[in-house]
Each structure stands twice: as C-alpha cells, then as structure tokens.
C-alpha cells in the first residue's frame, strides 16, 4: 500500500493536485506552471498515478491527467485519521496572548 502522505510530502506533487482540481490537463499544460522540466513533471505525475491520486488517458499523442475521485477519497480518509479529539481541542483553545507565559 502506498503511503499517500509520503507522496504528498513533495511540494510539486501537491501543486499538481491543486492544478488538476481545475480539470483534465496535459503534461505540457501542467509543466507551464513550474520551473522544472517537463520530464520531471511526468515523473511526479507517474508517482501520483501509482498512488491512485490521478488517472491518465491517451488522447492521440497526448496524455491527459485528471484527479482520481477514489484516490482522493482515500487521501481524505488518510488525513482524517490524524484529526483526533486532541487536535480539535487544540484548534478550539485560545492561543496565549503575545508576550505572556503560562507562569503568570
């Protein structure tokens, strides 16, 4: 089983997922948003496809990538596993005032 969080640890892969939220795109279209090479973007897309987060379809000589709804649902489940009662309490707690400590 692929560690989805490890796959997303790479910033370019997260950005690719953000771009694919807009809809299906080719490698060339996606690569135009990055300073890395098109082959590097293809490699990142390959990792995302292996992880089940994106799907690819051939359209003539082009490969078109899109988000895989089932893979994105699995990612949501993986992220939700970290959302514990303790995290909810931390979010709900008032942060300490700037310049104060708990000692006073």
PDB file of N, CA and C in Angstrom:
ATOM      1  N   UNK A   1       0.841  -1.190   0.000  1.00  0.00           N
ATOM      2  CA  UNK A   1       0.000   0.000   0.000  1.00  0.00           C
ATOM      3  C   UNK A   1       0.881   1.247   0.000  1.00  0.00           C
ATOM      4  N   UNK A   2       0.547   2.201  -0.818  1.00  0.00           N
ATOM      5  CA  UNK A   2       1.309   3.433  -0.951  1.00  0.00           C
ATOM      6  C   UNK A   2       1.016   4.365   0.216  1.00  0.00           C
ATOM      7  N   UNK A   3       2.062   4.981   0.746  1.00  0.00           N
ATOM      8  CA  UNK A   3       1.910   5.967   1.810  1.00  0.00           C
ATOM      9  C   UNK A   3       1.559   7.303   1.149  1.00  0.00           C
ATOM     10  N   UNK A   4       0.280   7.635   1.169  1.00  0.00           N
ATOM     11  CA  UNK A   4      -0.184   8.845   0.492  1.00  0.00           C
ATOM     12  C   UNK A   4       0.442  10.108   1.065  1.00  0.00           C
ATOM     13  N   UNK A   5       0.683  10.116   2.366  1.00  0.00           N
ATOM     14  CA  UNK A   5       1.294  11.304   2.971  1.00  0.00           C
ATOM     15  C   UNK A   5       2.730  11.470   2.501  1.00  0.00           C
ATOM     16  N   UNK A   6       3.445  10.385   2.304  1.00  0.00           N
ATOM     17  CA  UNK A   6       4.811  10.463   1.776  1.00  0.00           C
ATOM     18  C   UNK A   6       4.788  10.978   0.338  1.00  0.00           C
ATOM     19  N   UNK A   7       3.810  10.545  -0.437  1.00  0.00           N
ATOM     20  CA  UNK A   7       3.678  11.020  -1.816  1.00  0.00           C
ATOM     21  C   UNK A   7       3.464  12.532  -1.831  1.00  0.00           C
ATOM     22  N   UNK A   8       2.661  13.021  -0.901  1.00  0.00           N
ATOM     23  CA  UNK A   8       2.341  14.451  -0.858  1.00  0.00           C
ATOM     24  C   UNK A   8       3.403  15.300  -0.170  1.00  0.00           C
ATOM     25  N   UNK A   9       4.423  14.667   0.367  1.00  0.00           N
ATOM     26  CA  UNK A   9       5.493  15.427   1.026  1.00  0.00           C
ATOM     27  C   UNK A   9       6.249  16.289   0.018  1.00  0.00           C
ATOM     28  N   UNK A  10       6.174  15.956  -1.248  1.00  0.00           N
ATOM     29  CA  UNK A  10       6.880  16.702  -2.283  1.00  0.00           C
ATOM     30  C   UNK A  10       5.990  17.858  -2.757  1.00  0.00           C
ATOM     31  N   UNK A  11       6.451  19.109  -2.634  1.00  0.00           N
ATOM     32  CA  UNK A  11       5.613  20.274  -2.957  1.00  0.00           C
ATOM     33  C   UNK A  11       5.104  20.316  -4.400  1.00  0.00           C
ATOM     34  N   UNK A  12       5.897  19.865  -5.358  1.00  0.00           N
ATOM     35  CA  UNK A  12       5.438  19.889  -6.748  1.00  0.00           C
ATOM     36  C   UNK A  12       4.249  18.960  -6.953  1.00  0.00           C
ATOM     37  N   UNK A  13       4.224  17.857  -6.246  1.00  0.00           N
ATOM     38  CA  UNK A  13       3.093  16.927  -6.372  1.00  0.00           C
ATOM     39  C   UNK A  13       1.820  17.544  -5.792  1.00  0.00           C
ATOM     40  N   UNK A  14       1.965  18.233  -4.672  1.00  0.00           N
ATOM     41  CA  UNK A  14       0.779  18.908  -4.100  1.00  0.00           C
ATOM     42  C   UNK A  14       0.267  19.961  -5.072  1.00  0.00           C
ATOM     43  N   UNK A  15       1.180  20.702  -5.682  1.00  0.00           N
ATOM     44  CA  UNK A  15       0.780  21.741  -6.645  1.00  0.00           C
ATOM     45  C   UNK A  15       0.086  21.110  -7.855  1.00  0.00           C
ATOM     46  N   UNK A  16       0.593  19.974  -8.315  1.00  0.00           N
ATOM     47  CA  UNK A  16      -0.061  19.293  -9.439  1.00  0.00           C
ATOM     48  C   UNK A  16      -1.498  18.925  -9.099  1.00  0.00           C
ATOM     49  N   UNK A  17      -1.723  18.431  -7.896  1.00  0.00           N
ATOM     50  CA  UNK A  17      -3.093  18.103  -7.491  1.00  0.00           C
ATOM     51  C   UNK A  17      -3.960  19.351  -7.467  1.00  0.00           C
ATOM     52  N   UNK A  18      -3.402  20.455  -6.987  1.00  0.00           N
ATOM     53  CA  UNK A  18      -4.157  21.716  -6.984  1.00  0.00           C
ATOM     54  C   UNK A  18      -4.533  22.131  -8.407  1.00  0.00           C
ATOM     55  N   UNK A  19      -3.590  22.030  -9.324  1.00  0.00           N
ATOM     56  CA  UNK A  19      -3.852  22.405 -10.715  1.00  0.00           C
ATOM     57  C   UNK A  19      -4.886  21.491 -11.355  1.00  0.00           C
ATOM     58  N   UNK A  20      -4.843  20.216 -11.018  1.00  0.00           N
ATOM     59  CA  UNK A  20      -5.785  19.265 -11.613  1.00  0.00           C
ATOM     60  C   UNK A  20      -7.198  19.410 -11.053  1.00  0.00           C
ATOM     61  N   UNK A  21      -7.345  20.157  -9.969  1.00  0.00           N
ATOM     62  CA  UNK A  21      -8.703  20.442  -9.468  1.00  0.00           C
ATOM     63  C   UNK A  21      -9.498  21.206 -10.518  1.00  0.00           C
ATOM     64  N   UNK A  22      -8.805  21.937 -11.391  1.00  0.00           N
ATOM     65  CA  UNK A  22      -9.461  22.724 -12.448  1.00  0.00           C
ATOM     66  C   UNK A  22      -9.969  21.849 -13.583  1.00  0.00           C
ATOM     67  N   UNK A  23      -9.482  20.608 -13.633  1.00  0.00           N
ATOM     68  CA  UNK A  23      -9.904  19.706 -14.691  1.00  0.00           C
ATOM     69  C   UNK A  23      -8.719  19.060 -15.378  1.00  0.00           C
ATOM     70  N   UNK A  24      -9.038  18.238 -16.343  1.00  0.00           N
ATOM     71  CA  UNK A  24      -8.055  17.445 -17.076  1.00  0.00           C
ATOM     72  C   UNK A  24      -7.059  18.346 -17.813  1.00  0.00           C
ATOM     73  N   UNK A  25      -5.772  17.955 -17.749  1.00  0.00           N
ATOM     74  CA  UNK A  25      -4.728  18.729 -18.411  1.00  0.00           C
ATOM     75  C   UNK A  25      -3.625  17.811 -18.921  1.00  0.00           C
ATOM     76  N   UNK A  26      -2.912  18.287 -19.930  1.00  0.00           N
ATOM     77  CA  UNK A  26      -1.768  17.542 -20.455  1.00  0.00           C
ATOM     78  C   UNK A  26      -0.530  17.867 -19.629  1.00  0.00           C
ATOM     79  N   UNK A  27       0.516  17.073 -19.824  1.00  0.00           N
ATOM     80  CA  UNK A  27       1.785  17.321 -19.142  1.00  0.00           C
ATOM     81  C   UNK A  27       2.312  18.700 -19.526  1.00  0.00           C
ATOM     82  N   UNK A  28       2.214  19.055 -20.790  1.00  0.00           N
ATOM     83  CA  UNK A  28       2.703  20.359 -21.254  1.00  0.00           C
ATOM     84  C   UNK A  28       1.963  21.493 -20.566  1.00  0.00           C
ATOM     85  N   UNK A  29       0.653  21.371 -20.459  1.00  0.00           N
ATOM     86  CA  UNK A  29      -0.132  22.408 -19.776  1.00  0.00           C
ATOM     87  C   UNK A  29       0.282  22.513 -18.310  1.00  0.00           C
ATOM     88  N   UNK A  30       0.441  21.382 -17.665  1.00  0.00           N
ATOM     89  CA  UNK A  30       0.825  21.380 -16.251  1.00  0.00           C
ATOM     90  C   UNK A  30       2.242  21.923 -16.068  1.00  0.00           C
ATOM     91  N   UNK A  31       3.159  21.497 -16.940  1.00  0.00           N
ATOM     92  CA  UNK A  31       4.561  21.898 -16.815  1.00  0.00           C
ATOM     93  C   UNK A  31       4.744  23.407 -16.966  1.00  0.00           C
ATOM     94  N   UNK A  32       3.825  24.073 -17.643  1.00  0.00           N
ATOM     95  CA  UNK A  32       3.948  25.525 -17.840  1.00  0.00           C
ATOM     96  C   UNK A  32       3.866  26.300 -16.519  1.00  0.00           C
ATOM     97  N   UNK A  33       3.420  25.653 -15.455  1.00  0.00           N
ATOM     98  CA  UNK A  33       3.293  26.291 -14.142  1.00  0.00           C
ATOM     99  C   UNK A  33       4.514  26.072 -13.247  1.00  0.00           C
ATOM    100  N   UNK A  34       5.531  25.385 -13.765  1.00  0.00           N
ATOM    101  CA  UNK A  34       6.686  25.003 -12.958  1.00  0.00           C
ATOM    102  C   UNK A  34       7.984  25.439 -13.619  1.00  0.00           C
ATOM    103  N   UNK A  35       9.017  25.525 -12.807  1.00  0.00           N
ATOM    104  CA  UNK A  35      10.346  25.831 -13.323  1.00  0.00           C
ATOM    105  C   UNK A  35      11.165  24.564 -13.571  1.00  0.00           C
ATOM    106  N   UNK A  36      10.607  23.402 -13.253  1.00  0.00           N
ATOM    107  CA  UNK A  36      11.301  22.137 -13.503  1.00  0.00           C
ATOM    108  C   UNK A  36      10.946  21.653 -14.912  1.00  0.00           C
ATOM    109  N   UNK A  37      11.665  20.663 -15.392  1.00  0.00           N
ATOM    110  CA  UNK A  37      11.470  20.180 -16.758  1.00  0.00           C
ATOM    111  C   UNK A  37      10.172  19.399 -16.914  1.00  0.00           C
ATOM    112  N   UNK A  38       9.735  19.294 -18.155  1.00  0.00           N
ATOM    113  CA  UNK A  38       8.541  18.502 -18.446  1.00  0.00           C
ATOM    114  C   UNK A  38       8.729  17.037 -18.060  1.00  0.00           C
ATOM    115  N   UNK A  39       9.920  16.431 -18.318  1.00  0.00           N
ATOM    116  CA  UNK A  39      10.109  15.056 -17.848  1.00  0.00           C
ATOM    117  C   UNK A  39       9.998  14.923 -16.325  1.00  0.00           C
ATOM    118  N   UNK A  40      10.436  15.945 -15.585  1.00  0.00           N
ATOM    119  CA  UNK A  40      10.298  15.899 -14.122  1.00  0.00           C
ATOM    120  C   UNK A  40       8.823  15.909 -13.729  1.00  0.00           C
ATOM    121  N   UNK A  41       8.029  16.711 -14.411  1.00  0.00           N
ATOM    122  CA  UNK A  41       6.591  16.758 -14.137  1.00  0.00           C
ATOM    123  C   UNK A  41       5.961  15.406 -14.479  1.00  0.00           C
ATOM    124  N   UNK A  42       6.399  14.792 -15.569  1.00  0.00           N
ATOM    125  CA  UNK A  42       5.900  13.463 -15.937  1.00  0.00           C
ATOM    126  C   UNK A  42       6.211  12.446 -14.848  1.00  0.00           C
ATOM    127  N   UNK A  43       7.405  12.531 -14.275  1.00  0.00           N
ATOM    128  CA  UNK A  43       7.763  11.609 -13.193  1.00  0.00           C
ATOM    129  C   UNK A  43       6.869  11.825 -11.978  1.00  0.00           C
ATOM    130  N   UNK A  44       6.636  13.079 -11.616  1.00  0.00           N
ATOM    131  CA  UNK A  44       5.745  13.366 -10.483  1.00  0.00           C
ATOM    132  C   UNK A  44       4.335  12.836 -10.759  1.00  0.00           C
ATOM    133  N   UNK A  45       3.858  13.032 -11.984  1.00  0.00           N
ATOM    134  CA  UNK A  45       2.535  12.524 -12.334  1.00  0.00           C
ATOM    135  C   UNK A  45       2.497  11.000 -12.269  1.00  0.00           C
ATOM    136  N   UNK A  46       3.595  10.363 -12.630  1.00  0.00           N
ATOM    137  CA  UNK A  46       3.681   8.910 -12.526  1.00  0.00           C
ATOM    138  C   UNK A  46       3.559   8.437 -11.089  1.00  0.00           C
ATOM    139  N   UNK A  47       4.204   9.154 -10.173  1.00  0.00           N
ATOM    140  CA  UNK A  47       4.104   8.815  -8.752  1.00  0.00           C
ATOM    141  C   UNK A  47       2.659   8.997  -8.280  1.00  0.00           C
ATOM    142  N   UNK A  48       2.046  10.108  -8.679  1.00  0.00           N
ATOM    143  CA  UNK A  48       0.656  10.361  -8.284  1.00  0.00           C
ATOM    144  C   UNK A  48      -0.289   9.309  -8.867  1.00  0.00           C
ATOM    145  N   UNK A  49      -0.011   8.883 -10.098  1.00  0.00           N
ATOM    146  CA  UNK A  49      -0.847   7.842 -10.721  1.00  0.00           C
ATOM    147  C   UNK A  49      -0.658   6.499 -10.015  1.00  0.00           C
ATOM    148  N   UNK A  50       0.583   6.151  -9.681  1.00  0.00           N
ATOM    149  CA  UNK A  50       0.851   4.901  -8.965  1.00  0.00           C
ATOM    150  C   UNK A  50       0.161   4.901  -7.604  1.00  0.00           C
ATOM    151  N   UNK A  51       0.103   6.080  -6.971  1.00  0.00           N
ATOM    152  CA  UNK A  51      -0.563   6.212  -5.674  1.00  0.00           C
ATOM    153  C   UNK A  51      -2.083   6.213  -5.820  1.00  0.00           C
ATOM    154  N   UNK A  52      -2.580   6.282  -7.047  1.00  0.00           N
ATOM    155  CA  UNK A  52      -4.021   6.270  -7.275  1.00  0.00           C
ATOM    156  C   UNK A  52      -4.689   7.622  -7.151  1.00  0.00           C
ATOM    157  N   UNK A  53      -3.897   8.686  -7.089  1.00  0.00           N
ATOM    158  CA  UNK A  53      -4.470  10.022  -6.920  1.00  0.00           C
ATOM    159  C   UNK A  53      -4.854  10.683  -8.237  1.00  0.00           C
ATOM    160  N   UNK A  54      -4.203  10.283  -9.330  1.00  0.00           N
ATOM    161  CA  UNK A  54      -4.554  10.816 -10.646  1.00  0.00           C
ATOM    162  C   UNK A  54      -4.745   9.657 -11.621  1.00  0.00           C
ATOM    163  N   UNK A  55      -5.491   9.947 -12.662  1.00  0.00           N
ATOM    164  CA  UNK A  55      -5.716   8.995 -13.753  1.00  0.00           C
ATOM    165  C   UNK A  55      -5.172   9.620 -15.024  1.00  0.00           C
ATOM    166  N   UNK A  56      -4.794   8.788 -15.961  1.00  0.00           N
ATOM    167  CA  UNK A  56      -4.290   9.268 -17.243  1.00  0.00           C
ATOM    168  C   UNK A  56      -5.069   8.580 -18.352  1.00  0.00           C
ATOM    169  N   UNK A  57      -5.355   9.336 -19.391  1.00  0.00           N
ATOM    170  CA  UNK A  57      -5.979   8.738 -20.573  1.00  0.00           C
ATOM    171  C   UNK A  57      -5.237   9.249 -21.797  1.00  0.00           C
ATOM    172  N   UNK A  58      -5.089   8.365 -22.750  1.00  0.00           N
ATOM    173  CA  UNK A  58      -4.437   8.738 -24.010  1.00  0.00           C
ATOM    174  C   UNK A  58      -5.468   9.368 -24.925  1.00  0.00           C
ATOM    175  N   UNK A  59      -5.051  10.460 -25.541  1.00  0.00           N
ATOM    176  CA  UNK A  59      -5.891  11.182 -26.489  1.00  0.00           C
ATOM    177  C   UNK A  59      -4.995  11.490 -27.688  1.00  0.00           C
ATOM    178  N   UNK A  60      -4.937  10.560 -28.640  1.00  0.00           N
ATOM    179  CA  UNK A  60      -3.995  10.706 -29.751  1.00  0.00           C
ATOM    180  C   UNK A  60      -2.575  10.587 -29.224  1.00  0.00           C
ATOM    181  N   UNK A  61      -1.756  11.601 -29.473  1.00  0.00           N
ATOM    182  CA  UNK A  61      -0.384  11.562 -28.972  1.00  0.00           C
ATOM    183  C   UNK A  61      -0.243  12.214 -27.595  1.00  0.00           C
ATOM    184  N   UNK A  62      -1.332  12.678 -27.056  1.00  0.00           N
ATOM    185  CA  UNK A  62      -1.308  13.354 -25.760  1.00  0.00           C
ATOM    186  C   UNK A  62      -1.754  12.413 -24.649  1.00  0.00           C
ATOM    187  N   UNK A  63      -1.241  12.688 -23.463  1.00  0.00           N
ATOM    188  CA  UNK A  63      -1.718  12.031 -22.245  1.00  0.00           C
ATOM    189  C   UNK A  63      -2.403  13.114 -21.426  1.00  0.00           C
ATOM    190  N   UNK A  64      -3.618  12.852 -21.057  1.00  0.00           N
ATOM    191  CA  UNK A  64      -4.386  13.825 -20.276  1.00  0.00           C
ATOM    192  C   UNK A  64      -4.562  13.273 -18.868  1.00  0.00           C
ATOM    193  N   UNK A  65      -4.231  14.109 -17.899  1.00  0.00           N
ATOM    194  CA  UNK A  65      -4.287  13.720 -16.487  1.00  0.00           C
ATOM    195  C   UNK A  65      -5.466  14.395 -15.813  1.00  0.00           C
ATOM    196  N   UNK A  66      -6.056  13.678 -14.890  1.00  0.00           N
ATOM    197  CA  UNK A  66      -7.159  14.222 -14.075  1.00  0.00           C
ATOM    198  C   UNK A  66      -7.102  13.561 -12.706  1.00  0.00           C
ATOM    199  N   UNK A  67      -7.770  14.192 -11.740  1.00  0.00           N
ATOM    200  CA  UNK A  67      -7.842  13.621 -10.397  1.00  0.00           C
ATOM    201  C   UNK A  67      -8.655  12.330 -10.444  1.00  0.00           C
ATOM    202  N   UNK A  68      -8.253  11.384  -9.627  1.00  0.00           N
ATOM    203  CA  UNK A  68      -8.992  10.130  -9.476  1.00  0.00           C
ATOM    204  C   UNK A  68      -9.873  10.282  -8.235  1.00  0.00           C
ATOM    205  N   UNK A  69     -11.192  10.349  -8.393  1.00  0.00           N
ATOM    206  CA  UNK A  69     -12.078  10.553  -7.235  1.00  0.00           C
ATOM    207  C   UNK A  69     -11.887   9.517  -6.130  1.00  0.00           C
ATOM    208  N   UNK A  70     -11.681   8.258  -6.504  1.00  0.00           N
ATOM    209  CA  UNK A  70     -11.487   7.210  -5.490  1.00  0.00           C
ATOM    210  C   UNK A  70     -10.180   7.426  -4.734  1.00  0.00           C
ATOM    211  N   UNK A  71      -9.136   7.795  -5.453  1.00  0.00           N
ATOM    212  CA  UNK A  71      -7.846   8.062  -4.807  1.00  0.00           C
ATOM    213  C   UNK A  71      -7.909   9.263  -3.893  1.00  0.00           C
ATOM    214  N   UNK A  72      -8.624  10.298  -4.316  1.00  0.00           N
ATOM    215  CA  UNK A  72      -8.756  11.492  -3.479  1.00  0.00           C
ATOM    216  C   UNK A  72      -9.578  11.175  -2.232  1.00  0.00           C
ATOM    217  N   UNK A  73     -10.554  10.281  -2.354  1.00  0.00           N
ATOM    218  CA  UNK A  73     -11.331   9.848  -1.184  1.00  0.00           C
ATOM    219  C   UNK A  73     -10.425   9.101  -0.204  1.00  0.00           C
ATOM    220  N   UNK A  74      -9.533   8.267  -0.724  1.00  0.00           N
ATOM    221  CA  UNK A  74      -8.577   7.558   0.137  1.00  0.00           C
ATOM    222  C   UNK A  74      -7.648   8.546   0.844  1.00  0.00           C
ATOM    223  N   UNK A  75      -7.256   9.591   0.137  1.00  0.00           N
ATOM    224  CA  UNK A  75      -6.412  10.619   0.742  1.00  0.00           C
ATOM    225  C   UNK A  75      -7.156  11.312   1.881  1.00  0.00           C
ATOM    226  N   UNK A  76      -8.418  11.598   1.674  1.00  0.00           N
ATOM    227  CA  UNK A  76      -9.228  12.227   2.728  1.00  0.00           C
ATOM    228  C   UNK A  76      -9.284  11.339   3.973  1.00  0.00           C
ATOM    229  N   UNK A  77      -9.472  10.051   3.776  1.00  0.00           N
ATOM    230  CA  UNK A  77      -9.508   9.109   4.897  1.00  0.00           C
ATOM    231  C   UNK A  77      -8.166   9.113   5.627  1.00  0.00           C
ATOM    232  N   UNK A  78      -7.066   9.111   4.866  1.00  0.00           N
ATOM    233  CA  UNK A  78      -5.729   9.113   5.476  1.00  0.00           C
ATOM    234  C   UNK A  78      -5.506  10.378   6.291  1.00  0.00           C
ATOM    235  N   UNK A  79      -5.945  11.511   5.772  1.00  0.00           N
ATOM    236  CA  UNK A  79      -5.781  12.776   6.501  1.00  0.00           C
ATOM    237  C   UNK A  79      -6.707  12.842   7.711  1.00  0.00           C
ATOM    238  N   UNK A  80      -7.914  12.336   7.570  1.00  0.00           N
ATOM    239  CA  UNK A  80      -8.858  12.355   8.688  1.00  0.00           C
ATOM    240  C   UNK A  80      -8.385  11.505   9.858  1.00  0.00           C
ATOM    241  N   UNK A  81      -7.550  10.513   9.588  1.00  0.00           N
ATOM    242  CA  UNK A  81      -7.026   9.664  10.661  1.00  0.00           C
ATOM    243  C   UNK A  81      -6.200  10.487  11.648  1.00  0.00           C
ATOM    244  N   UNK A  82      -5.684  11.630  11.199  1.00  0.00           N
ATOM    245  CA  UNK A  82      -4.886  12.483  12.069  1.00  0.00           C
ATOM    246  C   UNK A  82      -5.741  13.483  12.843  1.00  0.00           C
ATOM    247  N   UNK A  83      -6.996  13.612  12.471  1.00  0.00           N
ATOM    248  CA  UNK A  83      -7.854  14.591  13.122  1.00  0.00           C
ATOM    249  C   UNK A  83      -8.483  13.952  14.355  1.00  0.00           C
ATOM    250  N   UNK A  84      -7.779  14.048  15.456  1.00  0.00           N
ATOM    251  CA  UNK A  84      -8.205  13.416  16.697  1.00  0.00           C
ATOM    252  C   UNK A  84      -8.892  14.432  17.597  1.00  0.00           C
ATOM    253  N   UNK A  85      -9.449  13.957  18.670  1.00  0.00           N
ATOM    254  CA  UNK A  85     -10.064  14.838  19.655  1.00  0.00           C
ATOM    255  C   UNK A  85      -9.051  15.848  20.168  1.00  0.00           C
ATOM    256  N   UNK A  86      -7.800  15.397  20.362  1.00  0.00           N
ATOM    257  CA  UNK A  86      -6.769  16.300  20.853  1.00  0.00           C
ATOM    258  C   UNK A  86      -6.528  17.453  19.887  1.00  0.00           C
ATOM    259  N   UNK A  87      -6.517  17.175  18.598  1.00  0.00           N
ATOM    260  CA  UNK A  87      -6.333  18.245  17.617  1.00  0.00           C
ATOM    261  C   UNK A  87      -7.521  19.194  17.626  1.00  0.00           C
ATOM    262  N   UNK A  88      -8.722  18.650  17.743  1.00  0.00           N
ATOM    263  CA  UNK A  88      -9.907  19.511  17.813  1.00  0.00           C
ATOM    264  C   UNK A  88      -9.838  20.433  19.019  1.00  0.00           C
ATOM    265  N   UNK A  89      -9.384  19.914  20.160  1.00  0.00           N
ATOM    266  CA  UNK A  89      -9.249  20.740  21.357  1.00  0.00           C
ATOM    267  C   UNK A  89      -8.181  21.811  21.168  1.00  0.00           C
ATOM    268  N   UNK A  90      -7.096  21.467  20.516  1.00  0.00           N
ATOM    269  CA  UNK A  90      -6.036  22.431  20.259  1.00  0.00           C
ATOM    270  C   UNK A  90      -6.532  23.567  19.370  1.00  0.00           C
ATOM    271  N   UNK A  91      -7.273  23.223  18.340  1.00  0.00           N
ATOM    272  CA  UNK A  91      -7.815  24.239  17.445  1.00  0.00           C
ATOM    273  C   UNK A  91      -8.798  25.137  18.188  1.00  0.00           C
ATOM    274  N   UNK A  92      -9.602  24.554  19.073  1.00  0.00           N
ATOM    275  CA  UNK A  92     -10.614  25.309  19.799  1.00  0.00           C
ATOM    276  C   UNK A  92     -10.021  26.168  20.910  1.00  0.00           C
ATOM    277  N   UNK A  93      -8.838  25.829  21.387  1.00  0.00           N
ATOM    278  CA  UNK A  93      -8.224  26.559  22.505  1.00  0.00           C
ATOM    279  C   UNK A  93      -7.798  27.956  22.060  1.00  0.00           C
ATOM    280  N   UNK A  94      -7.894  28.887  23.006  1.00  0.00           N
ATOM    281  CA  UNK A  94      -7.408  30.238  22.742  1.00  0.00           C
ATOM    282  C   UNK A  94      -5.891  30.223  22.776  1.00  0.00           C
ATOM    283  N   UNK A  95      -5.246  30.781  21.764  1.00  0.00           N
ATOM    284  CA  UNK A  95      -3.784  30.840  21.810  1.00  0.00           C
ATOM    285  C   UNK A  95      -3.337  31.816  22.900  1.00  0.00           C
ATOM    286  N   UNK A  96      -2.151  31.599  23.492  1.00  0.00           N
ATOM    287  CA  UNK A  96      -1.678  32.537  24.506  1.00  0.00           C
ATOM    288  C   UNK A  96      -1.472  33.918  23.889  1.00  0.00           C
ATOM    289  N   UNK A  97      -1.709  34.939  24.697  1.00  0.00           N
ATOM    290  CA  UNK A  97      -1.501  36.317  24.235  1.00  0.00           C
ATOM    291  C   UNK A  97      -0.023  36.553  24.003  1.00  0.00           C
ATOM    292  N   UNK A  98       0.292  37.330  23.013  1.00  0.00           N
ATOM    293  CA  UNK A  98       1.686  37.624  22.681  1.00  0.00           C
ATOM    294  C   UNK A  98       2.368  38.315  23.851  1.00  0.00           C
ATOM    295  N   UNK A  99       3.547  37.804  24.215  1.00  0.00           N
ATOM    296  CA  UNK A  99       4.320  38.418  25.293  1.00  0.00           C
ATOM    297  C   UNK A  99       3.950  37.909  26.663  1.00  0.00           C
ATOM    298  N   UNK A 100       3.056  36.908  26.740  1.00  0.00           N
ATOM    299  CA  UNK A 100       2.686  36.340  28.043  1.00  0.00           C
ATOM    300  C   UNK A 100       3.147  34.908  28.113  1.00  0.00           C
ATOM    301  N   UNK A 101       3.240  34.392  29.319  1.00  0.00           N
ATOM    302  CA  UNK A 101       3.584  32.992  29.512  1.00  0.00           C
ATOM    303  C   UNK A 101       2.546  32.376  30.433  1.00  0.00           C
ATOM    304  N   UNK A 102       2.551  31.057  30.494  1.00  0.00           N
ATOM    305  CA  UNK A 102       1.614  30.345  31.368  1.00  0.00           C
ATOM    306  C   UNK A 102       2.012  30.450  32.841  1.00  0.00           C
ATOM    307  N   UNK A 103       3.210  30.997  33.145  1.00  0.00           N
ATOM    308  CA  UNK A 103       3.697  31.082  34.511  1.00  0.00           C
ATOM    309  C   UNK A 103       2.992  32.178  35.316  1.00  0.00           C
ATOM    310  N   UNK A 104       2.290  33.087  34.680  1.00  0.00           N
ATOM    311  CA  UNK A 104       1.691  34.244  35.393  1.00  0.00           C
ATOM    312  C   UNK A 104       0.265  34.004  35.727  1.00  0.00           C
TER     313      UNK A 104
END
